[in-house]
Every structure is written in structure tokens, then in C-alpha cells.
């Protein structure tokens, strides 16, 4: 869920923080500059249809300087499988496979995604699978930390991630509150015109809501909670979740937002252009 409803809400909150809730006069409508938002384009030569096809087909790899040879070598040396998460009783004791990158999935990727999320460099939907969003998050974290930006997690990058994220437990038990379990779930039609007629696009199920809450794919939550029907959980029921970002204070003052069409990312940066959040 790289650009989920939760991410949209986060963007709106950041814009309000940056503008100090300022309202521009009617004769001067807000612009990217007055909102403190910088847009970085680069795809003007493509039509909208070409862009959409490119995104679906994965043709627009946005981190051109990723060390693909290192990523492929790391993937070949990694024996883990996504199914290994199913039997992962204690993720903290599992061996971390380093270097980490390329076409790979499993416990090490899950741990890396939790650390990235907590460090403020979102890998998108946490699912235990390495992909473009995780690779981009690693790349920009390395840039922000003045490390060799390869898009591959080596031992130095991993230690720095642990320092930024606080060396958390990777999977924790959480008990649902009444607010968590409560919800007026609505079936959303697939037809975009039917969607346009709706007042809002809410959650279709409790499982989807929990996925948004914990930045996790419902499939991952099912792997962490075998035999549990996510849609039938109630208040006080326990659930195992990835230990995602908490509400710690911002590391530095956010000066502006950078929205990149070519890079398909949102950055919050400080006055020195240091990336605080990806």
C-alpha cells in the first residue's frame, strides 16, 4: 500500500504542519510554493495511459543507481522463503541474512521492512517480500545517512538502521481496542464510476483496517496469526503484528515537502535538504 488512504492522510497532515494552517486570500490561490511543496517532474513526455501502463508493468524503475549486480548476488546467496515466516515463533532470534537485496522474500526482509518503517523510510506495504518500494527506501536511507547508496542492505546499513529504529522487537502481540474492532465496513464496487458516486471509500473489512493500522499486507497478518480470522476479531483479542513506527518526536524541523513524479516518492526534508522521511 505505497499510496494508501493512510499515506494520503499523512500527506495532508504534513501539508497542514508546513503551512501553519495558513489560508491564502481568494485572489491568490495556493500554489506549490505557498504550500511549501516542491514538485519534481520528469515524465512529461509520456501520456497518462503510458504512465499507467508503465507503473503496472514495473518499467519505471526509479532508483537508477542501485547496484543490481550486488542485489542479484545477495539474492542468490539467500536461502529464505516467504513460507519461512509461517513457522517463525521468535523473529528476534532468527538469523539476519546479509547482504540483503534482489528477488528474495522471508524473515530477513520482514525485519528490514520493520526497521525501515520505524526509521521513517517507508518500504510501503510490509509483506516480507523485497520489491521496488523496499529497495527505494533502502537507497534513500543510505543517501540520508551518507552511506554508499546501493539499494542493498549490508552490515553497515543494517547497524545504522538499528540505531535509527531503536533495535525493536520485530513482531509483537497487540490486543485490539474497541475502536480498533469497531467499524462500519462497506462493500466498494470495482467500477470506478460507481465508486465516484459514493460519499467515501472506507474499509471493506476488519482485516483491511488492521492492515492499514499496522502498515502490513493482510496476507502477512494471516501468516503471523495462523488459524485466526482477521475479520472476526473483537476487542481484547490478541494479534501478532509487525512492530511498526511509533509516535516518537520528529528528528528535526520539516522545512518542505518534495513530491517526485519521476521518483514516485514523497520526501519531508529539513532546511539543509536532508531527507527526514521517505
Protein backbone atom coordinates (compact mmCIF):
# COMPACT_ATOMS: atom_id res chain seq x y z
CA UNK A 1 0.00 0.00 0.00
CA UNK A 2 2.60 2.59 -1.07
CA UNK A 3 -0.03 5.26 -1.65
CA UNK A 4 -2.83 4.06 0.60
CA UNK A 5 -5.57 6.04 2.25
CA UNK A 6 -3.29 6.22 5.30
CA UNK A 7 -0.47 7.73 3.23
CA UNK A 8 -2.88 10.29 1.80
CA UNK A 9 -3.91 11.33 5.27
CA UNK A 10 -0.27 11.60 6.32
CA UNK A 11 0.48 13.87 3.35
CA UNK A 12 -2.43 16.13 4.23
CA UNK A 13 -1.20 16.35 7.83
CA UNK A 14 2.32 17.27 6.74
CA UNK A 15 1.00 20.00 4.45
CA UNK A 16 -1.01 21.47 7.33
CA UNK A 17 2.08 21.42 9.55
CA UNK A 18 4.16 23.16 6.91
CA UNK A 19 1.61 25.87 6.17
CA UNK A 20 0.72 26.54 9.78
CA UNK A 21 -2.91 26.28 8.65
CA UNK A 22 -2.45 29.48 6.63
CA UNK A 23 -5.32 30.42 4.30
CA UNK A 24 -4.33 32.36 1.20
CA UNK A 25 -6.58 35.23 0.00
CA UNK A 26 -9.15 34.23 -2.59
CA UNK A 27 -7.39 36.22 -5.32
CA UNK A 28 -4.17 34.29 -4.67
CA UNK A 29 -4.95 30.56 -4.81
CA UNK A 30 -2.38 28.35 -3.07
CA UNK A 31 0.45 27.10 -5.26
CA UNK A 32 3.17 24.52 -4.73
CA UNK A 33 5.42 27.30 -3.46
CA UNK A 34 2.95 28.77 -0.95
CA UNK A 35 2.27 25.28 0.38
CA UNK A 36 5.96 24.63 0.84
CA UNK A 37 5.76 21.74 -1.61
CA UNK A 38 8.26 21.26 -4.39
CA UNK A 39 7.26 19.10 -7.33
CA UNK A 40 9.94 17.26 -9.25
CA UNK A 41 8.73 16.03 -12.62
CA UNK A 42 10.45 14.20 -15.43
CA UNK A 43 7.74 12.21 -17.15
CA UNK A 44 6.17 14.97 -19.22
CA UNK A 45 7.00 13.13 -22.45
CA UNK A 46 4.66 10.27 -21.51
CA UNK A 47 0.89 10.28 -21.87
CA UNK A 48 -1.29 9.39 -18.89
CA UNK A 49 -2.06 5.97 -20.41
CA UNK A 50 1.65 5.30 -21.00
CA UNK A 51 2.42 6.22 -17.39
CA UNK A 52 -0.26 3.92 -16.03
CA UNK A 53 0.89 1.02 -18.18
CA UNK A 54 4.49 1.66 -17.13
CA UNK A 55 3.62 1.63 -13.44
CA UNK A 56 1.66 -1.61 -13.72
CA UNK A 57 4.40 -3.27 -15.75
CA UNK A 58 7.20 -2.01 -13.50
CA UNK A 59 9.02 -0.29 -16.38
CA UNK A 60 9.73 2.90 -14.45
CA UNK A 61 12.46 1.78 -12.06
CA UNK A 62 13.20 4.99 -10.29
CA UNK A 63 16.44 4.21 -8.46
CA UNK A 64 18.72 4.00 -11.46
CA UNK A 65 21.91 3.79 -9.42
CA UNK A 66 21.03 0.66 -7.49
CA UNK A 67 23.82 -1.89 -7.59
CA UNK A 68 21.94 -4.60 -9.48
CA UNK A 69 24.93 -6.95 -9.53
CA UNK A 70 25.21 -6.80 -5.73
CA UNK A 71 21.44 -7.25 -5.37
CA UNK A 72 21.44 -10.31 -7.62
CA UNK A 73 24.41 -11.81 -5.76
CA UNK A 74 22.68 -11.24 -2.41
CA UNK A 75 19.51 -12.91 -3.68
CA UNK A 76 21.41 -15.95 -4.95
CA UNK A 77 23.06 -16.43 -1.55
CA UNK A 78 19.80 -16.12 0.39
CA UNK A 79 18.03 -19.44 1.05
CA UNK A 80 14.99 -17.92 2.79
CA UNK A 81 11.44 -18.28 1.54
CA UNK A 82 8.27 -16.35 2.30
CA UNK A 83 6.82 -19.54 3.82
CA UNK A 84 9.56 -19.43 6.48
CA UNK A 85 7.61 -16.62 8.16
CA UNK A 86 4.78 -19.10 8.90
CA UNK A 87 6.92 -21.05 11.38
CA UNK A 88 8.71 -18.01 12.79
CA UNK A 89 7.97 -18.22 16.50
CA UNK A 90 10.65 -15.76 17.64
CA UNK A 91 11.67 -13.34 14.85
CA UNK A 92 14.20 -11.67 17.14
CA UNK A 93 16.27 -14.86 17.33
CA UNK A 94 16.23 -15.54 13.60
CA UNK A 95 19.47 -15.08 11.72
CA UNK A 96 19.61 -11.90 9.62
CA UNK A 97 20.76 -12.69 6.09
CA UNK A 98 23.25 -10.06 4.92
CA UNK A 99 23.77 -8.66 2.38
CA UNK A 100 20.05 -8.39 1.63
CA UNK A 101 18.52 -7.39 -1.68
CA UNK A 102 17.21 -8.57 -5.01
CA UNK A 103 14.39 -11.00 -5.71
CA UNK A 104 14.04 -12.50 -2.24
CA UNK A 105 11.43 -12.92 0.49
CA UNK A 106 11.31 -14.20 4.05
CA UNK A 107 12.08 -13.33 7.68
CA UNK A 108 15.11 -11.12 6.91
CA UNK A 109 13.07 -8.97 4.55
CA UNK A 110 10.34 -8.67 7.18
CA UNK A 111 12.88 -7.47 9.75
CA UNK A 112 14.37 -4.98 7.29
CA UNK A 113 10.93 -3.59 6.43
CA UNK A 114 10.07 -3.10 10.11
CA UNK A 115 13.33 -1.23 10.69
CA UNK A 116 12.82 0.96 7.61
CA UNK A 117 9.26 1.78 8.66
CA UNK A 118 10.36 2.73 12.17
CA UNK A 119 13.25 4.78 10.80
CA UNK A 120 10.81 6.89 8.76
CA UNK A 121 11.78 5.45 5.37
CA UNK A 122 8.64 3.63 4.39
CA UNK A 123 9.00 0.39 2.41
CA UNK A 124 5.30 0.67 1.59
CA UNK A 125 3.22 -2.34 2.50
CA UNK A 126 5.10 -4.64 4.85
CA UNK A 127 4.76 -8.10 3.36
CA UNK A 128 8.10 -9.90 3.77
CA UNK A 129 8.84 -9.54 0.04
CA UNK A 130 11.71 -7.46 -1.32
CA UNK A 131 10.48 -5.13 -4.05
CA UNK A 132 10.94 -1.72 -5.64
CA UNK A 133 9.47 0.16 -2.67
CA UNK A 134 11.76 -1.57 -0.17
CA UNK A 135 14.74 -1.03 -2.47
CA UNK A 136 13.92 2.67 -2.84
CA UNK A 137 13.55 3.06 0.93
CA UNK A 138 16.97 1.46 1.48
CA UNK A 139 18.52 3.65 -1.21
CA UNK A 140 17.19 6.90 0.25
CA UNK A 141 18.07 5.85 3.79
CA UNK A 142 21.64 5.29 2.64
CA UNK A 143 21.65 8.71 0.97
CA UNK A 144 20.33 10.38 4.14
CA UNK A 145 22.93 8.58 6.28
CA UNK A 146 25.79 9.41 3.87
CA UNK A 147 26.40 5.75 3.15
CA UNK A 148 27.28 4.08 -0.14
CA UNK A 149 23.85 4.18 -1.83
CA UNK A 150 23.46 0.76 -3.42
CA UNK A 151 19.89 -0.18 -2.53
CA UNK A 152 21.30 -3.30 -0.86
CA UNK A 153 21.45 -3.72 2.94
CA UNK A 154 24.97 -4.54 4.06
CA UNK A 155 26.19 -4.83 7.66
CA UNK A 156 26.93 -1.08 7.93
CA UNK A 157 23.48 -0.11 6.66
CA UNK A 158 21.85 -2.63 8.97
CA UNK A 159 23.65 -1.29 12.05
CA UNK A 160 22.64 2.26 11.13
CA UNK A 161 19.04 1.13 10.65
CA UNK A 162 19.04 -0.42 14.10
CA UNK A 163 20.39 2.81 15.58
CA UNK A 164 17.69 4.90 13.87
CA UNK A 165 14.87 2.47 14.61
CA UNK A 166 15.80 1.74 18.22
CA UNK A 167 16.53 -2.01 17.93
CA UNK A 168 12.91 -3.05 18.46
CA UNK A 169 11.34 -6.47 18.71
CA UNK A 170 10.20 -7.21 15.17
CA UNK A 171 6.88 -8.91 15.91
CA UNK A 172 4.83 -8.10 19.00
CA UNK A 173 1.49 -9.10 20.47
CA UNK A 174 -1.21 -6.44 20.36
CA UNK A 175 -4.67 -6.54 21.92
CA UNK A 176 -7.41 -4.87 19.94
CA UNK A 177 -9.30 -1.99 21.48
CA UNK A 178 -13.00 -1.30 20.97
CA UNK A 179 -12.11 1.44 18.49
CA UNK A 180 -9.88 -0.99 16.57
CA UNK A 181 -12.58 -3.61 16.23
CA UNK A 182 -15.41 -1.17 15.55
CA UNK A 183 -16.19 -0.11 12.04
CA UNK A 184 -18.96 0.34 9.53
CA UNK A 185 -17.49 -1.76 6.75
CA UNK A 186 -18.82 -1.22 3.25
CA UNK A 187 -18.53 -3.18 0.05
CA UNK A 188 -16.82 -0.99 -2.55
CA UNK A 189 -17.75 -1.59 -6.19
CA UNK A 190 -14.97 -2.27 -8.69
CA UNK A 191 -16.41 0.09 -11.28
CA UNK A 192 -14.71 3.50 -11.00
CA UNK A 193 -17.89 5.37 -11.94
CA UNK A 194 -19.82 3.60 -9.20
CA UNK A 195 -17.03 4.50 -6.77
CA UNK A 196 -17.32 8.15 -7.81
CA UNK A 197 -20.94 8.16 -6.69
CA UNK A 198 -20.02 7.10 -3.14
CA UNK A 199 -19.67 9.63 -0.32
CA UNK A 200 -16.47 7.98 0.89
CA UNK A 201 -14.26 4.94 0.33
CA UNK A 202 -14.00 3.27 3.70
CA UNK A 203 -12.71 -0.12 4.78
CA UNK A 204 -14.37 -3.21 3.36
CA UNK A 205 -13.36 -5.46 6.25
CA UNK A 206 -11.65 -5.51 9.63
CA UNK A 207 -8.71 -7.33 8.02
CA UNK A 208 -8.20 -4.41 5.64
CA UNK A 209 -8.41 -1.93 8.52
CA UNK A 210 -5.83 -3.84 10.54
CA UNK A 211 -3.55 -3.92 7.52
CA UNK A 212 -3.69 -0.13 7.30
CA UNK A 213 -3.19 0.28 11.05
CA UNK A 214 -0.03 -1.82 11.08
CA UNK A 215 1.24 -0.96 7.57
CA UNK A 216 1.02 -4.65 6.74
CA UNK A 217 -0.38 -6.82 3.99
CA UNK A 218 -3.37 -8.84 5.26
CA UNK A 219 -1.52 -11.91 3.89
CA UNK A 220 1.36 -11.18 6.28
CA UNK A 221 -1.02 -10.76 9.22
CA UNK A 222 -2.55 -14.14 8.37
CA UNK A 223 0.93 -15.71 8.28
CA UNK A 224 1.71 -14.24 11.70
CA UNK A 225 -1.66 -15.40 13.05
CA UNK A 226 -2.36 -18.86 11.62
CA UNK A 227 -5.91 -20.05 12.10
CA UNK A 228 -7.16 -16.58 13.04
CA UNK A 229 -9.99 -15.00 11.05
CA UNK A 230 -8.93 -11.35 10.93
CA UNK A 231 -12.45 -10.23 10.06
CA UNK A 232 -13.98 -11.78 13.20
CA UNK A 233 -11.65 -10.39 15.84
CA UNK A 234 -13.18 -8.46 18.73
CA UNK A 235 -11.98 -6.06 21.41
CA UNK A 236 -9.32 -7.55 23.74
CA UNK A 237 -8.46 -10.29 21.21
CA UNK A 238 -4.68 -10.68 20.79
CA UNK A 239 -2.99 -10.45 17.41
CA UNK A 240 0.65 -10.68 16.35
CA UNK A 241 1.74 -7.68 14.30
CA UNK A 242 4.92 -6.20 12.82
CA UNK A 243 6.31 -3.66 15.30
CA UNK A 244 5.92 -0.63 13.06
CA UNK A 245 6.60 3.07 13.53
CA UNK A 246 5.62 4.60 16.84
CA UNK A 247 4.82 8.21 17.66
CA UNK A 248 8.30 9.40 18.57
CA UNK A 249 9.03 13.12 18.07
CA UNK A 250 10.22 14.36 14.69
CA UNK A 251 14.01 14.24 14.49
CA UNK A 252 14.26 17.75 13.05
CA UNK A 253 12.06 20.57 11.81
CA UNK A 254 10.46 19.81 8.46
CA UNK A 255 11.17 22.69 6.07
CA UNK A 256 9.32 21.49 2.98
CA UNK A 257 7.94 18.54 1.07
CA UNK A 258 9.38 17.21 -2.16
CA UNK A 259 6.96 15.29 -4.37
CA UNK A 260 8.66 13.49 -7.24
CA UNK A 261 6.64 12.29 -10.21
CA UNK A 262 9.64 10.56 -11.74
CA UNK A 263 10.78 9.02 -8.49
CA UNK A 264 7.23 8.26 -7.31
CA UNK A 265 8.01 9.36 -3.78
CA UNK A 266 7.24 11.98 -1.14
CA UNK A 267 10.09 13.35 0.95
CA UNK A 268 10.00 15.58 4.01
CA UNK A 269 13.30 17.47 4.20
CA UNK A 270 14.91 19.93 6.59
CA UNK A 271 16.40 23.35 5.80
CA UNK A 272 19.65 21.69 4.69
CA UNK A 273 17.76 19.41 2.26
CA UNK A 274 18.44 16.39 4.47
CA UNK A 275 15.78 13.74 3.92
CA UNK A 276 13.93 13.21 7.22
CA UNK A 277 11.14 10.99 5.96
CA UNK A 278 10.65 8.98 2.78
